[in-house]
Amino acid sequence: MVHYYDLVLGLIPLALFGTTAALVAAGFGLTVAAPVGGILSASLVGHALFVKGPVDATGRTGSDVTEDSRTDAGSSAASPLETAD
């Protein structure tokens, strides 16, 4: 089953190279077509990260999980930098 992020990963190079090739074929210069394709690809990445951001199965984002793990650990837990190996 194909999910949203699978589609985004496939569309990033397609948007970059496909848009660039289509604009060059339409008569635009490569110096115009490549940035337009790059902007389209970057907007796909931005949408995937910030508009429809990744969440875990419970619907929490990565920052929620990090904050919970800090509060669950309590103040007595040693920092990873303070542990002896």
C-alpha atoms as a PDB file:
ATOM      1  CA  MET A   1       0.000   0.000   0.000  1.00  0.00           C
ATOM      2  CA  VAL A   2       1.419   3.364  -1.019  1.00  0.00           C
ATOM      3  CA  HIS A   3       1.279   6.088   1.631  1.00  0.00           C
ATOM      4  CA  TYR A   4       1.594   9.848   1.388  1.00  0.00           C
ATOM      5  CA  TYR A   5       5.317   9.929   2.172  1.00  0.00           C
ATOM      6  CA  ASP A   6       6.037   7.224  -0.420  1.00  0.00           C
ATOM      7  CA  LEU A   7       4.372   9.420  -3.012  1.00  0.00           C
ATOM      8  CA  VAL A   8       6.312  12.479  -1.866  1.00  0.00           C
ATOM      9  CA  LEU A   9       9.609  10.599  -2.136  1.00  0.00           C
ATOM     10  CA  GLY A  10       8.739   9.633  -5.693  1.00  0.00           C
ATOM     11  CA  LEU A  11       7.457  13.068  -6.664  1.00  0.00           C
ATOM     12  CA  ILE A  12      10.537  15.002  -5.486  1.00  0.00           C
ATOM     13  CA  PRO A  13      12.851  13.898  -8.336  1.00  0.00           C
ATOM     14  CA  LEU A  14       9.935  13.766 -10.770  1.00  0.00           C
ATOM     15  CA  ALA A  15       9.055  17.373  -9.994  1.00  0.00           C
ATOM     16  CA  LEU A  16      12.680  18.478 -10.243  1.00  0.00           C
ATOM     17  CA  PHE A  17      13.648  16.719 -13.452  1.00  0.00           C
ATOM     18  CA  GLY A  18      10.203  16.526 -15.064  1.00  0.00           C
ATOM     19  CA  THR A  19       9.421  20.202 -14.616  1.00  0.00           C
ATOM     20  CA  THR A  20      12.891  21.195 -15.748  1.00  0.00           C
ATOM     21  CA  ALA A  21      12.693  19.002 -18.850  1.00  0.00           C
ATOM     22  CA  ALA A  22       9.179  20.193 -19.698  1.00  0.00           C
ATOM     23  CA  LEU A  23      10.147  23.854 -19.396  1.00  0.00           C
ATOM     24  CA  VAL A  24      13.316  23.369 -21.461  1.00  0.00           C
ATOM     25  CA  ALA A  25      11.254  21.561 -24.108  1.00  0.00           C
ATOM     26  CA  ALA A  26       8.784  24.458 -24.058  1.00  0.00           C
ATOM     27  CA  GLY A  27      11.586  26.861 -24.925  1.00  0.00           C
ATOM     28  CA  PHE A  28      12.662  28.228 -21.544  1.00  0.00           C
ATOM     29  CA  GLY A  29      16.336  28.380 -20.732  1.00  0.00           C
ATOM     30  CA  LEU A  30      17.919  25.895 -18.352  1.00  0.00           C
ATOM     31  CA  THR A  31      18.768  28.745 -15.983  1.00  0.00           C
ATOM     32  CA  VAL A  32      15.038  29.447 -15.618  1.00  0.00           C
ATOM     33  CA  ALA A  33      13.744  25.869 -15.764  1.00  0.00           C
ATOM     34  CA  ALA A  34      16.049  24.356 -13.137  1.00  0.00           C
ATOM     35  CA  PRO A  35      15.165  26.815 -10.342  1.00  0.00           C
ATOM     36  CA  VAL A  36      11.450  26.412 -11.091  1.00  0.00           C
ATOM     37  CA  GLY A  37      11.814  22.636 -10.774  1.00  0.00           C
ATOM     38  CA  GLY A  38      13.832  23.083  -7.600  1.00  0.00           C
ATOM     39  CA  ILE A  39      11.230  25.367  -6.072  1.00  0.00           C
ATOM     40  CA  LEU A  40       8.508  22.844  -6.865  1.00  0.00           C
ATOM     41  CA  SER A  41      10.537  20.029  -5.303  1.00  0.00           C
ATOM     42  CA  ALA A  42      11.317  22.113  -2.232  1.00  0.00           C
ATOM     43  CA  SER A  43       7.649  22.954  -1.817  1.00  0.00           C
ATOM     44  CA  LEU A  44       6.816  19.234  -1.814  1.00  0.00           C
ATOM     45  CA  VAL A  45       9.382  18.650   0.923  1.00  0.00           C
ATOM     46  CA  GLY A  46       8.078  21.629   2.890  1.00  0.00           C
ATOM     47  CA  HIS A  47       4.518  20.376   2.647  1.00  0.00           C
ATOM     48  CA  ALA A  48       5.532  16.901   3.786  1.00  0.00           C
ATOM     49  CA  LEU A  49       7.484  18.247   6.771  1.00  0.00           C
ATOM     50  CA  PHE A  50       5.481  21.212   7.978  1.00  0.00           C
ATOM     51  CA  VAL A  51       1.915  21.038   6.657  1.00  0.00           C
ATOM     52  CA  LYS A  52       1.357  17.300   6.907  1.00  0.00           C
ATOM     53  CA  GLY A  53       4.163  16.496   9.313  1.00  0.00           C
ATOM     54  CA  PRO A  54       5.129  12.976  10.297  1.00  0.00           C
ATOM     55  CA  VAL A  55       3.554  11.607  13.479  1.00  0.00           C
ATOM     56  CA  ASP A  56       3.781   8.270  15.255  1.00  0.00           C
ATOM     57  CA  ALA A  57       0.894   5.808  15.659  1.00  0.00           C
ATOM     58  CA  THR A  58      -0.540   7.734  18.626  1.00  0.00           C
ATOM     59  CA  GLY A  59      -0.647  10.971  16.641  1.00  0.00           C
ATOM     60  CA  ARG A  60       2.124  12.660  18.614  1.00  0.00           C
ATOM     61  CA  THR A  61       4.895  14.558  16.885  1.00  0.00           C
ATOM     62  CA  GLY A  62       8.590  14.071  17.582  1.00  0.00           C
ATOM     63  CA  SER A  63       8.760  17.119  19.856  1.00  0.00           C
ATOM     64  CA  ASP A  64       5.882  15.772  21.988  1.00  0.00           C
ATOM     65  CA  VAL A  65       7.672  12.465  22.430  1.00  0.00           C
ATOM     66  CA  THR A  66      10.922  14.209  23.375  1.00  0.00           C
ATOM     67  CA  GLU A  67       9.195  16.409  25.960  1.00  0.00           C
ATOM     68  CA  ASP A  68       7.395  13.415  27.484  1.00  0.00           C
ATOM     69  CA  SER A  69      10.597  11.417  27.754  1.00  0.00           C
ATOM     70  CA  ARG A  70      12.277  14.301  29.577  1.00  0.00           C
ATOM     71  CA  THR A  71       9.454  14.650  32.088  1.00  0.00           C
ATOM     72  CA  ASP A  72       9.124  10.879  32.585  1.00  0.00           C
ATOM     73  CA  ALA A  73      12.831  10.517  33.291  1.00  0.00           C
ATOM     74  CA  GLY A  74      12.698  12.926  36.209  1.00  0.00           C
ATOM     75  CA  SER A  75      15.500  15.074  37.516  1.00  0.00           C
ATOM     76  CA  SER A  76      17.444  12.175  39.069  1.00  0.00           C
ATOM     77  CA  ALA A  77      18.321  10.614  35.714  1.00  0.00           C
ATOM     78  CA  ALA A  78      21.862  11.200  34.546  1.00  0.00           C
ATOM     79  CA  SER A  79      22.566  12.888  31.285  1.00  0.00           C
ATOM     80  CA  PRO A  80      23.920  10.639  28.517  1.00  0.00           C
ATOM     81  CA  LEU A  81      27.073  12.741  28.645  1.00  0.00           C
ATOM     82  CA  GLU A  82      27.528  12.034  32.365  1.00  0.00           C
ATOM     83  CA  THR A  83      27.312   8.255  32.213  1.00  0.00           C
ATOM     84  CA  ALA A  84      30.481   6.233  32.527  1.00  0.00           C
ATOM     85  CA  ASP A  85      31.249   3.595  29.904  1.00  0.00           C
END
